[in-house]
Amino acid sequence: MKTVYENHIGEWNMEWLSKNPALTPELIERGWGEWNINWLSQNPAITPDLIESHWGEWNMNGLSGNPALTPELIESHWGEWDMEWLSLNPALTPGLIEKHWGGWDMKWLSLNPALTPDLIERRWGEWSVYYLSQNPSLTPDLIESHWGGWDMKWLSLNPALTP
């Protein structure tokens, strides 16, 4: 049975349809060549297998920030990513961050939710404190131990603060 998408091939606004997170990898594959690759590269419906099978065709800005990435995929294509967008990717692990230390956009890495309190502490002084003050990975102990070093405007909004 055909999908609504397939019943109306040629009628869709492909830019907006490419953003739809309800797309399936099979549907994306069948319609390859029709998609708006800039928006499809950001779509969380793509899978690591789909990314690999069309490597070289993606918009690397969007793909670098895609939550469908895995640490293995990031590592296997190291050097090809847009580091600003990759620095924000939730698929990063503390090990991957440490392994490639020095290659990150520290402003955006400071916001990454994959940071651990231990990693933040070990690399204290290397973060963008303005952005780190917003990071949800902070703990009350970490906040207290570096009191006076935070951007107080953003720390005031941090969900790690306890009453």
Protein backbone atom coordinates (compact mmCIF):
# COMPACT_ATOMS: atom_id res chain seq x y z
CA MET A 1 0.00 0.00 0.00
CA LYS A 2 1.35 3.41 -0.95
CA THR A 3 1.91 6.14 1.58
CA VAL A 4 0.35 9.59 1.37
CA TYR A 5 3.80 10.80 0.38
CA GLU A 6 3.97 8.37 -2.53
CA ASN A 7 0.40 9.07 -3.65
CA HIS A 8 1.28 12.70 -4.10
CA ILE A 9 4.81 12.61 -5.53
CA GLY A 10 5.52 15.89 -7.24
CA GLU A 11 2.96 17.85 -5.23
CA TRP A 12 4.93 18.32 -2.02
CA ASN A 13 6.98 21.31 -1.02
CA MET A 14 10.18 19.31 -0.75
CA GLU A 15 11.96 21.90 1.39
CA TRP A 16 9.36 21.61 4.14
CA LEU A 17 8.75 17.89 3.69
CA SER A 18 12.50 17.32 4.12
CA LYS A 19 12.17 18.72 7.66
CA ASN A 20 9.45 16.26 8.67
CA PRO A 21 10.73 14.02 11.51
CA ALA A 22 8.07 11.41 10.69
CA LEU A 23 9.88 10.38 7.50
CA THR A 24 11.15 6.83 7.52
CA PRO A 25 14.61 5.86 6.31
CA GLU A 26 12.95 3.72 3.61
CA LEU A 27 10.92 6.66 2.35
CA ILE A 28 13.98 8.90 2.36
CA GLU A 29 15.92 6.32 0.38
CA ARG A 30 13.14 5.83 -2.20
CA GLY A 31 12.90 9.58 -2.73
CA TRP A 32 16.63 10.19 -2.84
CA GLY A 33 17.45 13.03 -5.21
CA GLU A 34 14.15 14.80 -4.56
CA TRP A 35 14.89 16.00 -1.03
CA ASN A 36 16.12 19.39 0.06
CA ILE A 37 19.47 18.14 1.30
CA ASN A 38 20.06 21.14 3.57
CA TRP A 39 16.97 20.36 5.63
CA LEU A 40 17.19 16.59 5.31
CA SER A 41 20.71 16.76 6.78
CA GLN A 42 19.18 18.13 9.99
CA ASN A 43 16.27 15.68 10.11
CA PRO A 44 16.40 13.33 13.13
CA ALA A 45 14.65 10.65 11.06
CA ILE A 46 17.84 9.79 9.19
CA THR A 47 19.84 6.85 10.47
CA PRO A 48 23.58 6.17 10.66
CA ASP A 49 23.20 3.60 7.84
CA LEU A 50 21.47 6.17 5.63
CA ILE A 51 24.16 8.71 6.45
CA GLU A 52 26.90 6.26 5.45
CA SER A 53 25.18 5.14 2.26
CA HIS A 54 25.00 8.74 1.01
CA TRP A 55 28.27 10.01 2.44
CA GLY A 56 29.52 13.02 0.51
CA GLU A 57 26.03 14.19 -0.45
CA TRP A 58 24.99 15.74 2.88
CA ASN A 59 25.07 19.34 4.01
CA MET A 60 27.84 19.01 6.60
CA ASN A 61 26.65 21.94 8.73
CA GLY A 62 23.27 20.34 9.32
CA LEU A 63 24.56 16.79 9.47
CA SER A 64 27.21 17.70 12.06
CA GLY A 65 24.47 18.72 14.48
CA ASN A 66 22.11 15.84 13.71
CA PRO A 67 21.08 13.83 16.78
CA ALA A 68 21.08 10.64 14.68
CA LEU A 69 24.88 10.57 14.70
CA THR A 70 26.62 7.97 16.81
CA PRO A 71 30.06 8.30 18.42
CA GLU A 72 31.32 5.63 15.99
CA LEU A 73 30.08 7.56 12.96
CA ILE A 74 31.62 10.76 14.28
CA GLU A 75 34.95 9.02 14.81
CA SER A 76 34.96 7.23 11.43
CA HIS A 77 34.61 10.55 9.58
CA TRP A 78 36.82 12.63 11.85
CA GLY A 79 38.12 15.73 10.08
CA GLU A 80 35.10 16.07 7.79
CA TRP A 81 32.66 17.60 10.28
CA ASP A 82 31.64 21.20 10.79
CA MET A 83 33.23 21.59 14.23
CA GLU A 84 30.92 24.37 15.38
CA TRP A 85 27.83 22.22 14.87
CA LEU A 86 29.52 19.00 15.97
CA SER A 87 30.58 20.69 19.21
CA LEU A 88 26.90 20.89 20.13
CA ASN A 89 26.00 17.33 19.13
CA PRO A 90 24.50 15.27 21.97
CA ALA A 91 26.05 12.09 20.53
CA LEU A 92 29.48 13.13 21.75
CA THR A 93 30.92 11.15 24.62
CA PRO A 94 33.39 12.46 27.18
CA GLY A 95 35.98 10.05 25.74
CA LEU A 96 35.51 11.40 22.22
CA ILE A 97 35.71 14.97 23.50
CA GLU A 98 38.96 14.23 25.36
CA LYS A 99 40.48 12.24 22.48
CA HIS A 100 40.09 15.17 20.12
CA TRP A 101 40.77 17.92 22.65
CA GLY A 102 41.93 21.09 20.93
CA GLY A 103 39.85 20.52 17.83
CA TRP A 104 36.55 21.75 19.25
CA ASP A 105 34.77 25.05 19.04
CA MET A 106 35.01 25.68 22.79
CA LYS A 107 32.20 28.20 22.82
CA TRP A 108 29.68 25.63 21.60
CA LEU A 109 31.29 22.63 23.29
CA SER A 110 30.76 24.46 26.58
CA LEU A 111 27.00 24.10 25.97
CA ASN A 112 27.09 20.39 25.09
CA PRO A 113 24.79 18.32 27.33
CA ALA A 114 27.16 15.34 27.02
CA LEU A 115 29.70 17.00 29.30
CA THR A 116 30.14 15.37 32.67
CA PRO A 117 30.97 17.21 35.88
CA ASP A 118 34.29 15.32 35.96
CA LEU A 119 35.23 16.48 32.46
CA ILE A 120 34.21 20.05 33.28
CA GLU A 121 36.34 19.98 36.42
CA ARG A 122 39.40 18.40 34.79
CA ARG A 123 39.37 20.98 31.99
CA TRP A 124 38.52 23.95 34.20
CA GLY A 125 39.94 27.15 32.73
CA GLU A 126 39.61 25.96 29.14
CA TRP A 127 35.83 26.39 28.82
CA SER A 128 33.89 29.41 27.69
CA VAL A 129 32.45 30.22 31.12
CA TYR A 130 29.74 32.38 29.56
CA TYR A 131 28.36 29.34 27.74
CA LEU A 132 29.33 26.77 30.37
CA SER A 133 27.18 28.68 32.87
CA GLN A 134 24.18 27.54 30.80
CA ASN A 135 25.16 23.87 30.62
CA PRO A 136 22.59 21.49 32.15
CA SER A 137 25.39 19.08 33.15
CA LEU A 138 26.48 21.30 36.02
CA THR A 139 25.91 20.00 39.52
CA PRO A 140 25.33 22.09 42.64
CA ASP A 141 28.76 20.96 43.95
CA LEU A 142 30.48 22.05 40.74
CA ILE A 143 28.68 25.38 40.82
CA GLU A 144 29.69 25.93 44.44
CA SER A 145 33.32 24.88 43.93
CA HIS A 146 33.80 27.52 41.20
CA TRP A 147 31.69 30.25 42.75
CA GLY A 148 32.71 33.61 41.36
CA GLY A 149 33.84 32.14 38.04
CA TRP A 150 30.40 31.89 36.44
CA ASP A 151 28.41 34.22 34.24
CA MET A 152 25.76 34.96 36.85
CA LYS A 153 23.06 35.94 34.36
CA TRP A 154 23.14 32.54 32.68
CA LEU A 155 23.93 30.53 35.78
CA SER A 156 20.78 32.02 37.33
CA LEU A 157 18.74 30.19 34.68
CA ASN A 158 20.60 26.89 34.95
CA PRO A 159 18.34 23.94 35.80
CA ALA A 160 21.10 22.46 37.99
CA LEU A 161 20.48 25.09 40.64
CA THR A 162 18.56 23.81 43.61
CA PRO A 163 16.32 25.94 45.81
